[in-house]
Amino acid sequence: MYTSYIKPLIPKIEEFVKSHKVKVMTSSVAVFMVFNITISSMAAIRQNERINNVPANGSIDVFLDNVYPDEYMDQVFENKKHI
């Protein structure tokens, strides 16, 4: 019974998946993920430097200190371990 409703949708779904829109959306999400992972890694490294009393060395470190303070990092990454 349900196959009579689902079967005609399969070619439309296949066409949508193959379309250009999906490729653009996938690429956009991938770029965002790379950016997010990079910023998160930089913020975690900078927090570790702050714990070890390493002063900010440049504008990126100052930015990370202001936007990602220890309190914020501890709240977001509550299961992390300092190495």
Foldseek 3Di string as FASTA:
>chain_A
DCCVVVVVCVVVVVCVCPDPVVVVVVVVVVVVVVVVVVLLVVLVVLQLCVVVVNDDDDDVSVVSCVPPPPVNNCVVCVPDDRD
